[in-house]
């Protein structure tokens, strides 16, 4: 899984010491030979070419060529780790995007976007593959396809089609693409929802070497009745289906050498539960549906509360009973908080008068489900544990579910406020850049 951005490495080195091109070429050639089985001469040729390209783009001018810099790295602020840092950056993304006029967009923290077309709603989503499943392309394809369909279903829409985007680093085996597509189309054939288009590229072309794979799967669907998070109302009940996890749980099982648990994640129960609600017409009685994914129920509770302006109250005992027994046993053995990781369960939030019918319909589809909480006036989230009411806030990162993640931890860094201020400035700068470029293009039209 070794991968190296040799262009980025070269640029950083040249900025630090512009006079050391010879030494840099030696360093790059040595790094390249660690990864690629080529001659020393060939490695030096590549290194020299990389330095040439890096120098050409080291000093650029103008809005479209100069990137916005915050000085805060993705990892140190927890971006992508589904905790408070990640949620904060997503809220800033909504500001950079601006007013879209959409029914649901990124500012509402839902996993899908929605636009109105006539009397119906078009639902669009995109999910990236789990980064730690790069060496397991079939598994990554299966789980990302299921995630994309899950996000569309969660809006009360029936998915119509999927699309894929695959990027493999320079030394990656071509068969990774086939294995990944096979994983995606396994879900496709189980659900009858076709994969109809996509893109296949190398990561960074010749400038990124290694074997890593990344990419995503998108999906589109249509509905006449939305179940977005912002429709949650005080007085609603919160129902949850059984959950055995997906990419996150598979990653935990793989990197803790508990490989048999991976098999527990290979199912489409979430999708079957959603399809049952759609076929019965009950989805029209539901206020909101969402998936318990990265960040776990802790993250979902926070996002729903913020989006809908309500208080979420959960019963821990009821939730625990719905987690797959083998998965829960693994998480508890490894001291991983099951409430802070992806369970791939479905949350259904609906008025109390429809709860019984929802329970009956989903159980008839072969999927376990129960009432796990309720919605109140207020804000934030609480959890009842052994009769005691506790705060239910997300941590800085999702539950640390691999050995490497445990090293990074879950708590806020000491300089969080300082980093947040830098991110605020960067977002504002990006917004200003957007408007400057827009104005320039508009002025060109007038000429």
Protein backbone atom coordinates (compact mmCIF):
# COMPACT_ATOMS: atom_id res chain seq x y z
CA UNK A 1 0.00 0.00 0.00
CA UNK A 2 3.08 2.26 -0.12
CA UNK A 3 2.40 5.50 -1.97
CA UNK A 4 4.42 8.69 -2.38
CA UNK A 5 3.60 12.08 -3.84
CA UNK A 6 7.05 12.77 -5.29
CA UNK A 7 6.04 16.15 -6.72
CA UNK A 8 4.85 17.38 -3.33
CA UNK A 9 8.01 16.08 -1.70
CA UNK A 10 10.15 17.88 -4.30
CA UNK A 11 8.30 21.20 -3.91
CA UNK A 12 8.65 21.18 -0.13
CA UNK A 13 12.37 20.41 -0.40
CA UNK A 14 12.97 23.14 -3.01
CA UNK A 15 11.21 25.73 -0.88
CA UNK A 16 13.39 24.78 2.06
CA UNK A 17 16.68 24.75 0.10
CA UNK A 18 16.51 25.87 -3.56
CA UNK A 19 20.27 25.35 -4.03
CA UNK A 20 20.29 21.64 -3.24
CA UNK A 21 18.94 20.16 -6.49
CA UNK A 22 21.70 17.55 -6.70
CA UNK A 23 21.07 16.33 -3.18
CA UNK A 24 17.32 16.36 -3.80
CA UNK A 25 17.72 14.24 -6.91
CA UNK A 26 19.66 11.67 -4.89
CA UNK A 27 16.97 11.64 -2.20
CA UNK A 28 14.14 11.28 -4.71
CA UNK A 29 15.91 8.53 -6.63
CA UNK A 30 16.50 6.65 -3.38
CA UNK A 31 12.84 6.98 -2.37
CA UNK A 32 11.68 5.88 -5.83
CA UNK A 33 13.90 2.78 -5.70
CA UNK A 34 12.29 1.82 -2.38
CA UNK A 35 8.99 1.43 -4.22
CA UNK A 36 9.70 0.73 -7.90
CA UNK A 37 11.74 -2.19 -9.28
CA UNK A 38 13.73 -0.17 -11.83
CA UNK A 39 17.38 0.66 -12.50
CA UNK A 40 19.20 3.43 -10.63
CA UNK A 41 19.64 5.30 -13.90
CA UNK A 42 15.89 5.23 -14.57
CA UNK A 43 15.15 6.39 -11.01
CA UNK A 44 17.49 9.36 -11.46
CA UNK A 45 15.83 10.25 -14.78
CA UNK A 46 12.43 10.29 -13.09
CA UNK A 47 13.79 12.31 -10.16
CA UNK A 48 15.34 14.91 -12.46
CA UNK A 49 12.09 15.24 -14.43
CA UNK A 50 10.12 15.66 -11.20
CA UNK A 51 12.43 18.45 -10.05
CA UNK A 52 12.04 20.16 -13.44
CA UNK A 53 8.23 20.11 -13.14
CA UNK A 54 8.27 21.11 -9.47
CA UNK A 55 10.47 24.15 -10.22
CA UNK A 56 8.15 25.23 -13.05
CA UNK A 57 5.16 25.41 -10.71
CA UNK A 58 6.90 26.52 -7.51
CA UNK A 59 6.30 30.24 -7.98
CA UNK A 60 2.92 31.03 -9.52
CA UNK A 61 0.86 34.21 -9.56
CA UNK A 62 -2.83 35.02 -9.77
CA UNK A 63 -6.00 33.77 -8.11
CA UNK A 64 -6.53 30.61 -10.14
CA UNK A 65 -2.89 29.46 -9.80
CA UNK A 66 -2.21 30.31 -6.16
CA UNK A 67 -3.86 27.83 -3.79
CA UNK A 68 -5.50 28.99 -0.58
CA UNK A 69 -3.41 27.89 2.42
CA UNK A 70 -4.70 27.47 5.98
CA UNK A 71 -1.53 26.00 7.48
CA UNK A 72 -3.67 23.26 9.07
CA UNK A 73 -3.24 19.68 7.86
CA UNK A 74 -6.23 17.43 7.21
CA UNK A 75 -5.14 14.84 9.75
CA UNK A 76 -4.40 17.20 12.61
CA UNK A 77 -7.86 18.78 12.37
CA UNK A 78 -9.55 15.40 11.98
CA UNK A 79 -11.07 16.05 8.54
CA UNK A 80 -12.72 12.86 7.33
CA UNK A 81 -12.67 11.40 10.84
CA UNK A 82 -16.33 12.22 11.53
CA UNK A 83 -15.89 14.16 14.74
CA UNK A 84 -16.12 17.81 15.77
CA UNK A 85 -13.21 18.87 13.53
CA UNK A 86 -14.70 17.16 10.48
CA UNK A 87 -18.19 18.54 11.15
CA UNK A 88 -16.76 22.03 11.47
CA UNK A 89 -14.98 21.85 8.12
CA UNK A 90 -18.16 20.56 6.47
CA UNK A 91 -20.06 23.55 7.83
CA UNK A 92 -17.41 25.83 6.28
CA UNK A 93 -17.77 23.97 2.97
CA UNK A 94 -21.43 24.99 2.96
CA UNK A 95 -20.32 28.62 3.33
CA UNK A 96 -17.88 28.35 0.43
CA UNK A 97 -20.55 26.75 -1.76
CA UNK A 98 -23.02 29.48 -0.89
CA UNK A 99 -26.74 29.63 -1.58
CA UNK A 100 -27.61 26.83 -4.02
CA UNK A 101 -31.39 27.14 -4.18
CA UNK A 102 -31.57 23.37 -3.70
CA UNK A 103 -34.15 21.70 -1.46
CA UNK A 104 -31.30 19.99 0.44
CA UNK A 105 -27.63 20.84 0.06
CA UNK A 106 -24.33 20.58 1.95
CA UNK A 107 -25.30 23.27 4.45
CA UNK A 108 -27.89 20.91 5.95
CA UNK A 109 -25.33 18.17 6.70
CA UNK A 110 -27.32 15.44 4.95
CA UNK A 111 -25.48 12.75 3.00
CA UNK A 112 -27.39 13.51 -0.22
CA UNK A 113 -28.42 16.63 -2.08
CA UNK A 114 -31.92 17.24 -3.45
CA UNK A 115 -33.36 19.43 -6.22
CA UNK A 116 -36.99 19.74 -7.28
CA UNK A 117 -37.96 18.58 -10.77
CA UNK A 118 -41.63 19.20 -11.47
CA UNK A 119 -43.61 17.38 -8.78
CA UNK A 120 -40.73 15.10 -7.80
CA UNK A 121 -37.39 15.34 -6.06
CA UNK A 122 -34.08 14.27 -7.64
CA UNK A 123 -31.68 12.88 -5.03
CA UNK A 124 -27.93 12.80 -5.74
CA UNK A 125 -25.09 11.41 -3.60
CA UNK A 126 -21.44 10.41 -3.74
CA UNK A 127 -19.48 8.21 -1.31
CA UNK A 128 -15.72 7.68 -1.22
CA UNK A 129 -14.26 4.23 -0.70
CA UNK A 130 -12.84 3.46 2.73
CA UNK A 131 -9.18 4.47 2.52
CA UNK A 132 -7.97 1.46 4.51
CA UNK A 133 -9.58 -0.97 2.08
CA UNK A 134 -7.22 -0.09 -0.77
CA UNK A 135 -5.67 -3.55 -0.57
CA UNK A 136 -9.11 -5.20 -0.57
CA UNK A 137 -10.73 -3.82 -3.76
CA UNK A 138 -13.72 -6.18 -3.85
CA UNK A 139 -14.61 -5.33 -0.27
CA UNK A 140 -14.15 -1.61 -0.90
CA UNK A 141 -16.40 -1.81 -3.96
CA UNK A 142 -19.14 -3.70 -2.15
CA UNK A 143 -19.24 -1.33 0.81
CA UNK A 144 -19.03 1.94 -1.11
CA UNK A 145 -21.80 0.88 -3.49
CA UNK A 146 -24.01 -0.09 -0.57
CA UNK A 147 -23.21 3.24 1.11
CA UNK A 148 -24.22 5.25 -1.95
CA UNK A 149 -27.54 3.43 -2.30
CA UNK A 150 -28.07 3.77 1.43
CA UNK A 151 -27.75 7.56 1.22
CA UNK A 152 -30.34 7.79 -1.55
CA UNK A 153 -32.76 5.45 0.23
CA UNK A 154 -32.35 7.52 3.41
CA UNK A 155 -33.96 10.44 1.58
CA UNK A 156 -37.05 8.35 0.88
CA UNK A 157 -35.98 7.88 -2.74
CA UNK A 158 -35.63 4.73 -4.81
CA UNK A 159 -32.15 4.62 -6.39
CA UNK A 160 -32.19 4.45 -10.20
CA UNK A 161 -28.52 4.08 -11.12
CA UNK A 162 -24.92 4.21 -9.88
CA UNK A 163 -21.67 5.61 -11.26
CA UNK A 164 -18.10 4.90 -10.16
CA UNK A 165 -14.77 6.73 -10.06
CA UNK A 166 -11.59 4.70 -9.53
CA UNK A 167 -8.02 5.98 -9.17
CA UNK A 168 -5.09 3.56 -8.80
CA UNK A 169 -1.51 4.67 -8.17
CA UNK A 170 1.20 4.03 -10.76
CA UNK A 171 2.34 0.59 -9.54
CA UNK A 172 -1.10 -0.75 -8.65
CA UNK A 173 -2.18 -3.98 -10.35
CA UNK A 174 -4.72 -3.45 -13.15
CA UNK A 175 -6.83 -6.27 -11.69
CA UNK A 176 -7.69 -4.01 -8.74
CA UNK A 177 -10.09 -2.23 -11.07
CA UNK A 178 -11.86 -5.47 -12.02
CA UNK A 179 -12.08 -6.67 -8.43
CA UNK A 180 -13.46 -3.31 -7.29
CA UNK A 181 -16.09 -3.24 -10.03
CA UNK A 182 -17.05 -6.82 -9.15
CA UNK A 183 -17.71 -5.67 -5.57
CA UNK A 184 -19.86 -2.78 -6.78
CA UNK A 185 -21.85 -4.91 -9.19
CA UNK A 186 -22.48 -7.59 -6.56
CA UNK A 187 -24.58 -4.97 -4.78
CA UNK A 188 -25.98 -3.89 -8.14
CA UNK A 189 -27.23 -7.38 -8.98
CA UNK A 190 -28.61 -7.96 -5.49
CA UNK A 191 -30.66 -4.75 -5.69
CA UNK A 192 -31.38 -4.46 -9.42
CA UNK A 193 -29.82 -0.97 -9.47
CA UNK A 194 -27.34 -0.77 -12.37
CA UNK A 195 -23.85 0.66 -12.50
CA UNK A 196 -24.08 2.61 -15.75
CA UNK A 197 -20.99 4.82 -16.09
CA UNK A 198 -17.72 5.87 -14.47
CA UNK A 199 -14.11 6.94 -14.73
CA UNK A 200 -10.81 5.10 -14.26
CA UNK A 201 -7.55 7.01 -13.81
CA UNK A 202 -4.15 6.84 -12.12
CA UNK A 203 -3.65 8.78 -8.90
CA UNK A 204 -1.60 11.80 -9.90
CA UNK A 205 -0.43 10.19 -13.14
CA UNK A 206 3.36 9.72 -13.07
CA UNK A 207 3.81 12.05 -10.10
CA UNK A 208 2.38 9.68 -7.48
CA UNK A 209 3.98 6.26 -7.25
CA UNK A 210 2.85 3.22 -5.30
CA UNK A 211 -0.09 0.83 -5.22
CA UNK A 212 -2.84 2.75 -3.46
CA UNK A 213 -6.39 2.86 -4.80
CA UNK A 214 -9.05 5.44 -4.08
CA UNK A 215 -12.30 6.62 -5.64
CA UNK A 216 -16.02 6.63 -5.01
CA UNK A 217 -19.49 5.58 -6.11
CA UNK A 218 -22.33 7.97 -6.78
CA UNK A 219 -26.03 7.27 -7.05
CA UNK A 220 -29.18 9.07 -8.14
CA UNK A 221 -32.80 8.48 -7.22
CA UNK A 222 -36.26 10.00 -7.40
CA UNK A 223 -39.02 10.45 -4.85
CA UNK A 224 -42.23 12.38 -4.33
CA UNK A 225 -41.83 12.54 -0.53
CA UNK A 226 -38.56 13.43 1.20
CA UNK A 227 -37.27 12.07 4.53
CA UNK A 228 -34.39 14.50 5.05
CA UNK A 229 -32.96 15.22 8.51
CA UNK A 230 -34.38 18.74 8.69
CA UNK A 231 -37.91 17.31 8.87
CA UNK A 232 -37.36 15.81 12.32
CA UNK A 233 -39.97 17.13 14.80
CA UNK A 234 -40.38 17.18 18.61
CA UNK A 235 -42.58 14.30 19.70
CA UNK A 236 -41.18 11.91 17.07
CA UNK A 237 -39.93 8.47 18.02
CA UNK A 238 -36.50 7.25 16.92
CA UNK A 239 -36.34 3.72 15.54
CA UNK A 240 -33.19 1.82 14.55
CA UNK A 241 -32.61 -1.33 12.53
CA UNK A 242 -30.00 -3.97 13.27
CA UNK A 243 -26.45 -3.05 12.27
CA UNK A 244 -23.36 -5.10 11.47
CA UNK A 245 -21.20 -2.34 10.03
CA UNK A 246 -19.62 -1.90 6.63
CA UNK A 247 -16.23 -0.54 5.57
CA UNK A 248 -15.31 0.70 9.04
CA UNK A 249 -16.09 -2.57 10.82
CA UNK A 250 -14.37 -4.52 8.04
CA UNK A 251 -11.28 -2.36 8.51
CA UNK A 252 -11.31 -2.96 12.27
CA UNK A 253 -11.60 -6.71 11.77
CA UNK A 254 -8.86 -6.77 9.13
CA UNK A 255 -6.27 -4.74 11.01
CA UNK A 256 -6.87 -6.45 14.34
CA UNK A 257 -6.60 -9.90 12.70
CA UNK A 258 -10.23 -10.82 13.40
CA UNK A 259 -10.99 -11.54 9.77
CA UNK A 260 -14.05 -13.74 10.33
CA UNK A 261 -15.99 -10.65 11.47
CA UNK A 262 -15.74 -9.21 7.94
CA UNK A 263 -18.32 -11.78 6.80
CA UNK A 264 -20.88 -10.25 9.15
CA UNK A 265 -20.78 -7.01 7.11
CA UNK A 266 -21.58 -8.67 3.78
CA UNK A 267 -25.34 -8.10 3.57
CA UNK A 268 -27.90 -5.62 2.22
CA UNK A 269 -30.29 -5.58 5.19
CA UNK A 270 -30.29 -1.76 5.37
CA UNK A 271 -31.37 -1.55 1.74
CA UNK A 272 -34.02 -4.24 2.26
CA UNK A 273 -35.47 -2.31 5.19
CA UNK A 274 -35.66 0.87 3.10
CA UNK A 275 -37.22 -0.95 0.16
CA UNK A 276 -39.89 -2.40 2.46
CA UNK A 277 -40.78 1.11 3.67
CA UNK A 278 -40.93 2.39 0.09
CA UNK A 279 -43.06 -0.48 -1.22
CA UNK A 280 -45.51 -0.18 1.68
CA UNK A 281 -45.81 3.58 1.19
CA UNK A 282 -44.90 4.07 4.85
CA UNK A 283 -41.96 6.30 3.94
CA UNK A 284 -44.55 9.04 3.32
CA UNK A 285 -45.45 8.88 7.03
CA UNK A 286 -41.78 9.11 8.10
CA UNK A 287 -40.31 12.50 8.94
CA UNK A 288 -36.65 11.57 8.61
CA UNK A 289 -34.37 8.67 7.79
CA UNK A 290 -30.59 8.51 8.09
CA UNK A 291 -27.82 5.95 8.21
CA UNK A 292 -25.63 5.31 11.23
CA UNK A 293 -22.26 5.59 9.52
CA UNK A 294 -18.88 7.19 10.22
CA UNK A 295 -19.00 9.12 13.46
CA UNK A 296 -21.62 6.69 14.72
CA UNK A 297 -24.86 7.60 16.41
CA UNK A 298 -22.97 10.30 18.34
CA UNK A 299 -22.28 12.14 15.09
CA UNK A 300 -25.73 11.56 13.62
CA UNK A 301 -27.43 12.84 16.78
CA UNK A 302 -25.40 16.03 16.68
CA UNK A 303 -26.07 16.65 12.98
CA UNK A 304 -29.82 16.00 13.23
CA UNK A 305 -30.12 18.20 16.31
CA UNK A 306 -28.29 21.05 14.61
CA UNK A 307 -30.14 20.74 11.29
CA UNK A 308 -33.66 20.31 12.70
CA UNK A 309 -33.30 22.44 15.84
CA UNK A 310 -34.37 19.65 18.20
CA UNK A 311 -33.08 17.59 21.12
CA UNK A 312 -32.39 13.89 20.58
CA UNK A 313 -32.76 11.42 23.48
CA UNK A 314 -31.48 7.83 23.15
CA UNK A 315 -31.71 4.65 25.23
CA UNK A 316 -28.34 2.86 25.26
CA UNK A 317 -29.75 -0.54 26.20
CA UNK A 318 -32.10 -0.55 23.20
CA UNK A 319 -29.30 0.42 20.79
CA UNK A 320 -26.86 -2.15 22.11
CA UNK A 321 -29.37 -4.94 21.50
CA UNK A 322 -29.49 -4.09 17.78
CA UNK A 323 -25.75 -4.35 17.14
CA UNK A 324 -24.61 -7.62 15.54
CA UNK A 325 -23.37 -9.86 18.37
CA UNK A 326 -20.01 -10.74 16.77
CA UNK A 327 -19.37 -7.13 15.84
CA UNK A 328 -20.27 -5.85 19.32
CA UNK A 329 -18.09 -8.52 20.94
CA UNK A 330 -15.13 -7.44 18.80
CA UNK A 331 -15.63 -3.74 19.56
CA UNK A 332 -15.93 -4.32 23.29
CA UNK A 333 -12.87 -6.59 23.32
CA UNK A 334 -10.88 -3.85 21.58
CA UNK A 335 -12.35 -1.10 23.80
CA UNK A 336 -13.90 0.72 20.83
CA UNK A 337 -17.00 2.79 21.56
CA UNK A 338 -19.74 1.25 19.39
CA UNK A 339 -21.71 4.50 19.56
CA UNK A 340 -18.92 6.36 17.78
CA UNK A 341 -18.38 4.14 14.73
CA UNK A 342 -20.33 3.23 11.64
CA UNK A 343 -22.89 0.49 12.30
CA UNK A 344 -24.67 0.70 8.93
CA UNK A 345 -27.99 0.73 10.75
CA UNK A 346 -31.01 2.74 9.62
CA UNK A 347 -32.51 5.43 11.85
CA UNK A 348 -36.19 6.07 11.17
CA UNK A 349 -37.70 9.14 12.86
CA UNK A 350 -41.49 9.25 12.73
CA UNK A 351 -44.64 10.29 14.64
CA UNK A 352 -45.59 7.79 17.39
CA UNK A 353 -48.84 6.77 15.66
CA UNK A 354 -46.90 5.14 12.80
CA UNK A 355 -44.23 3.39 14.85
CA UNK A 356 -46.08 0.10 15.21
CA UNK A 357 -46.70 -0.23 11.48
CA UNK A 358 -43.08 0.65 10.70
CA UNK A 359 -41.83 -2.00 13.13
CA UNK A 360 -44.12 -4.63 11.63
CA UNK A 361 -43.21 -3.81 8.03
CA UNK A 362 -39.44 -3.83 8.53
CA UNK A 363 -39.52 -7.02 10.60
CA UNK A 364 -41.60 -8.70 7.90
CA UNK A 365 -38.71 -7.96 5.51
CA UNK A 366 -36.42 -10.03 7.76
CA UNK A 367 -34.70 -7.05 9.41
CA UNK A 368 -34.77 -6.46 13.17
CA UNK A 369 -35.81 -3.00 14.36
CA UNK A 370 -36.82 -1.34 17.64
CA UNK A 371 -37.64 2.04 19.20
CA UNK A 372 -34.43 3.47 20.68
CA UNK A 373 -35.39 7.00 21.67
CA UNK A 374 -37.44 10.11 21.07
CA UNK A 375 -37.20 13.75 19.99
CA UNK A 376 -37.83 16.72 22.29
CA UNK A 377 -37.89 20.49 22.12
CA UNK A 378 -34.42 21.92 22.68
CA UNK A 379 -30.97 21.24 21.29
CA UNK A 380 -28.14 18.72 21.53
CA UNK A 381 -28.43 15.06 22.45
CA UNK A 382 -28.67 12.90 25.57
CA UNK A 383 -28.29 9.21 26.19
CA UNK A 384 -29.86 7.19 29.01
CA UNK A 385 -27.42 4.60 30.40
CA UNK A 386 -28.66 2.37 33.22
CA UNK A 387 -31.27 4.98 34.09
CA UNK A 388 -28.73 7.81 34.17
CA UNK A 389 -29.01 10.70 31.68
CA UNK A 390 -25.68 11.63 30.08
CA UNK A 391 -24.52 14.07 27.46
CA UNK A 392 -24.19 12.46 24.03
CA UNK A 393 -21.77 14.67 22.14
CA UNK A 394 -19.37 13.50 19.42
CA UNK A 395 -15.65 13.51 20.13
CA UNK A 396 -12.98 15.26 18.09
CA UNK A 397 -12.63 12.12 15.95
CA UNK A 398 -14.82 9.06 15.53
CA UNK A 399 -14.01 6.10 17.78
CA UNK A 400 -10.43 4.96 17.12
CA UNK A 401 -11.07 1.65 15.37
CA UNK A 402 -7.59 0.59 14.13
CA UNK A 403 -4.21 0.43 15.87
CA UNK A 404 -3.00 3.51 13.97
CA UNK A 405 -6.15 5.48 14.85
CA UNK A 406 -5.67 4.64 18.52
CA UNK A 407 -2.26 6.31 18.35
CA UNK A 408 -3.91 9.50 17.05
CA UNK A 409 -6.66 9.33 19.69
CA UNK A 410 -10.09 10.93 19.82
CA UNK A 411 -9.66 14.04 21.96
CA UNK A 412 -9.43 17.68 20.89
CA UNK A 413 -5.88 18.90 20.23
CA UNK A 414 -4.71 21.66 22.55
CA UNK A 415 -4.54 24.22 19.73
CA UNK A 416 -8.00 23.48 18.32
CA UNK A 417 -9.20 27.08 18.61
CA UNK A 418 -6.10 28.38 16.83
CA UNK A 419 -6.53 25.88 13.99
CA UNK A 420 -10.22 26.71 13.72
CA UNK A 421 -9.42 30.40 13.31
CA UNK A 422 -6.96 29.56 10.52
CA UNK A 423 -9.61 27.47 8.78
CA UNK A 424 -12.11 30.33 9.08
CA UNK A 425 -9.64 32.64 7.38
CA UNK A 426 -8.94 30.12 4.63
CA UNK A 427 -12.65 29.60 3.93
CA UNK A 428 -13.18 33.36 3.75
CA UNK A 429 -10.23 33.70 1.40
CA UNK A 430 -11.62 30.96 -0.86
CA UNK A 431 -15.00 32.70 -0.96
CA UNK A 432 -13.37 36.01 -1.86
CA UNK A 433 -11.31 34.31 -4.56
CA UNK A 434 -14.45 32.79 -6.04
CA UNK A 435 -16.10 36.18 -6.31
CA UNK A 436 -13.01 37.81 -7.81
CA UNK A 437 -12.82 35.16 -10.53
CA UNK A 438 -16.55 35.37 -11.16
CA UNK A 439 -16.29 39.13 -11.59
CA UNK A 440 -13.35 38.77 -13.97
CA UNK A 441 -15.24 36.27 -16.15
CA UNK A 442 -18.35 38.44 -16.18
CA UNK A 443 -16.30 41.47 -17.23
CA UNK A 444 -14.76 39.48 -20.08
CA UNK A 445 -18.25 38.71 -21.36
CA UNK A 446 -19.03 42.41 -21.49
CA UNK A 447 -15.94 43.25 -23.57
